[in-house]
Amino acid sequence: MRAFAIVILVLAAAGAAASWIVAVVLHLRTTRTISGAGRGPLRLLAILAWPFAVKPLPAHHAARMNKALVAFVACLLLAFAATSATTNLSRYSR
């Protein structure tokens, strides 16, 4: 059972990383098409803080980014639950 929880943890962490990357790419594409902004320090900051750097966007762009944000949060919740299960199972199995 502990090995199963570790597998779930690894898969959830990979899903969180993938959804973060998808959201960053969508954010950078959206800001480039809306404002026509080139490269700059703010674009690099968007890689780390895209959920906090969202300005009002057209509905179709915002919907895709919100879906990526929901997937990221869901993967994090699953990873935290798997971590909790792993620590509880490893503590009581000895």
C-alpha atoms as a PDB file:
ATOM      1  CA  MET A   1       0.000   0.000   0.000  1.00  0.00           C
ATOM      2  CA  ARG A   2       2.894   2.344   0.746  1.00  0.00           C
ATOM      3  CA  ALA A   3       4.371   1.741  -2.719  1.00  0.00           C
ATOM      4  CA  PHE A   4       1.002   2.563  -4.292  1.00  0.00           C
ATOM      5  CA  ALA A   5       0.875   5.882  -2.405  1.00  0.00           C
ATOM      6  CA  ILE A   6       4.398   6.717  -3.582  1.00  0.00           C
ATOM      7  CA  VAL A   7       3.428   5.997  -7.193  1.00  0.00           C
ATOM      8  CA  ILE A   8       0.397   8.276  -6.826  1.00  0.00           C
ATOM      9  CA  LEU A   9       2.628  10.955  -5.315  1.00  0.00           C
ATOM     10  CA  VAL A  10       5.074  10.802  -8.220  1.00  0.00           C
ATOM     11  CA  LEU A  11       2.281  10.878 -10.809  1.00  0.00           C
ATOM     12  CA  ALA A  12       0.569  13.801  -9.093  1.00  0.00           C
ATOM     13  CA  ALA A  13       3.838  15.751  -8.921  1.00  0.00           C
ATOM     14  CA  ALA A  14       4.446  15.099 -12.621  1.00  0.00           C
ATOM     15  CA  GLY A  15       0.902  16.217 -13.413  1.00  0.00           C
ATOM     16  CA  ALA A  16       1.363  19.398 -11.389  1.00  0.00           C
ATOM     17  CA  ALA A  17       4.608  20.183 -13.210  1.00  0.00           C
ATOM     18  CA  ALA A  18       3.016  19.511 -16.600  1.00  0.00           C
ATOM     19  CA  SER A  19      -0.022  21.678 -15.875  1.00  0.00           C
ATOM     20  CA  TRP A  20       2.266  24.467 -14.623  1.00  0.00           C
ATOM     21  CA  ILE A  21       4.236  24.348 -17.880  1.00  0.00           C
ATOM     22  CA  VAL A  22       1.061  24.349 -19.978  1.00  0.00           C
ATOM     23  CA  ALA A  23      -0.295  27.326 -18.062  1.00  0.00           C
ATOM     24  CA  VAL A  24       2.961  29.261 -18.434  1.00  0.00           C
ATOM     25  CA  VAL A  25       3.003  28.634 -22.186  1.00  0.00           C
ATOM     26  CA  LEU A  26      -0.635  29.709 -22.489  1.00  0.00           C
ATOM     27  CA  HIS A  27       0.045  32.819 -20.422  1.00  0.00           C
ATOM     28  CA  LEU A  28       3.057  33.812 -22.493  1.00  0.00           C
ATOM     29  CA  ARG A  29       1.182  33.227 -25.763  1.00  0.00           C
ATOM     30  CA  THR A  30      -1.794  35.205 -24.517  1.00  0.00           C
ATOM     31  CA  THR A  31       0.204  38.201 -23.360  1.00  0.00           C
ATOM     32  CA  ARG A  32       2.184  38.178 -26.600  1.00  0.00           C
ATOM     33  CA  THR A  33      -0.940  38.174 -28.781  1.00  0.00           C
ATOM     34  CA  ILE A  34      -2.818  40.744 -26.702  1.00  0.00           C
ATOM     35  CA  SER A  35      -0.121  43.293 -25.984  1.00  0.00           C
ATOM     36  CA  GLY A  36       2.428  42.374 -28.622  1.00  0.00           C
ATOM     37  CA  ALA A  37       5.087  42.518 -25.922  1.00  0.00           C
ATOM     38  CA  GLY A  38       8.533  41.250 -26.756  1.00  0.00           C
ATOM     39  CA  ARG A  39      11.042  39.704 -24.423  1.00  0.00           C
ATOM     40  CA  GLY A  40      11.716  41.328 -21.115  1.00  0.00           C
ATOM     41  CA  PRO A  41      12.101  40.797 -17.403  1.00  0.00           C
ATOM     42  CA  LEU A  42       8.345  40.751 -16.860  1.00  0.00           C
ATOM     43  CA  ARG A  43       7.994  37.777 -19.198  1.00  0.00           C
ATOM     44  CA  LEU A  44      10.546  35.867 -17.135  1.00  0.00           C
ATOM     45  CA  LEU A  45       8.661  36.758 -13.967  1.00  0.00           C
ATOM     46  CA  ALA A  46       5.490  35.388 -15.546  1.00  0.00           C
ATOM     47  CA  ILE A  47       7.073  31.932 -15.634  1.00  0.00           C
ATOM     48  CA  LEU A  48       7.145  31.841 -11.834  1.00  0.00           C
ATOM     49  CA  ALA A  49       4.091  33.903 -10.959  1.00  0.00           C
ATOM     50  CA  TRP A  50       1.596  33.497 -13.804  1.00  0.00           C
ATOM     51  CA  PRO A  51      -1.443  32.980 -11.539  1.00  0.00           C
ATOM     52  CA  PHE A  52      -0.775  36.353  -9.926  1.00  0.00           C
ATOM     53  CA  ALA A  53       0.177  38.185 -13.114  1.00  0.00           C
ATOM     54  CA  VAL A  54      -3.091  37.691 -14.967  1.00  0.00           C
ATOM     55  CA  LYS A  55      -4.676  40.880 -16.125  1.00  0.00           C
ATOM     56  CA  PRO A  56      -8.139  40.965 -17.689  1.00  0.00           C
ATOM     57  CA  LEU A  57      -8.005  38.596 -20.642  1.00  0.00           C
ATOM     58  CA  PRO A  58     -10.457  37.651 -23.361  1.00  0.00           C
ATOM     59  CA  ALA A  59     -12.793  34.882 -22.243  1.00  0.00           C
ATOM     60  CA  HIS A  60     -11.402  32.128 -24.496  1.00  0.00           C
ATOM     61  CA  HIS A  61      -7.829  32.719 -23.305  1.00  0.00           C
ATOM     62  CA  ALA A  62      -8.828  33.015 -19.655  1.00  0.00           C
ATOM     63  CA  ALA A  63     -10.859  29.802 -19.803  1.00  0.00           C
ATOM     64  CA  ARG A  64      -7.882  27.739 -20.988  1.00  0.00           C
ATOM     65  CA  MET A  65      -5.580  29.236 -18.377  1.00  0.00           C
ATOM     66  CA  ASN A  66      -8.163  28.677 -15.632  1.00  0.00           C
ATOM     67  CA  LYS A  67      -8.448  25.019 -16.630  1.00  0.00           C
ATOM     68  CA  ALA A  68      -4.678  24.665 -16.326  1.00  0.00           C
ATOM     69  CA  LEU A  69      -4.801  26.337 -12.908  1.00  0.00           C
ATOM     70  CA  VAL A  70      -7.543  23.959 -11.727  1.00  0.00           C
ATOM     71  CA  ALA A  71      -5.536  20.972 -12.976  1.00  0.00           C
ATOM     72  CA  PHE A  72      -2.470  22.251 -11.133  1.00  0.00           C
ATOM     73  CA  VAL A  73      -4.353  22.679  -7.862  1.00  0.00           C
ATOM     74  CA  ALA A  74      -6.006  19.257  -8.220  1.00  0.00           C
ATOM     75  CA  CYS A  75      -2.621  17.611  -8.775  1.00  0.00           C
ATOM     76  CA  LEU A  76      -1.200  19.400  -5.744  1.00  0.00           C
ATOM     77  CA  LEU A  77      -4.102  18.239  -3.578  1.00  0.00           C
ATOM     78  CA  LEU A  78      -3.616  14.678  -4.764  1.00  0.00           C
ATOM     79  CA  ALA A  79       0.125  14.904  -4.092  1.00  0.00           C
ATOM     80  CA  PHE A  80      -0.485  16.187  -0.557  1.00  0.00           C
ATOM     81  CA  ALA A  81      -2.997  13.409   0.109  1.00  0.00           C
ATOM     82  CA  ALA A  82      -0.570  10.791  -1.196  1.00  0.00           C
ATOM     83  CA  THR A  83       2.198  12.253   0.967  1.00  0.00           C
ATOM     84  CA  SER A  84      -0.047  12.058   4.006  1.00  0.00           C
ATOM     85  CA  ALA A  85      -0.960   8.463   3.219  1.00  0.00           C
ATOM     86  CA  THR A  86       2.672   7.526   2.668  1.00  0.00           C
ATOM     87  CA  THR A  87       3.835   9.010   5.951  1.00  0.00           C
ATOM     88  CA  ASN A  88       0.985   7.432   7.894  1.00  0.00           C
ATOM     89  CA  LEU A  89       1.505   4.022   6.317  1.00  0.00           C
ATOM     90  CA  SER A  90       5.248   4.063   6.859  1.00  0.00           C
ATOM     91  CA  ARG A  91       4.860   5.083  10.491  1.00  0.00           C
ATOM     92  CA  TYR A  92       2.324   2.393  11.423  1.00  0.00           C
ATOM     93  CA  SER A  93       3.751  -0.465   9.397  1.00  0.00           C
ATOM     94  CA  ARG A  94       6.891  -0.786  11.527  1.00  0.00           C
END
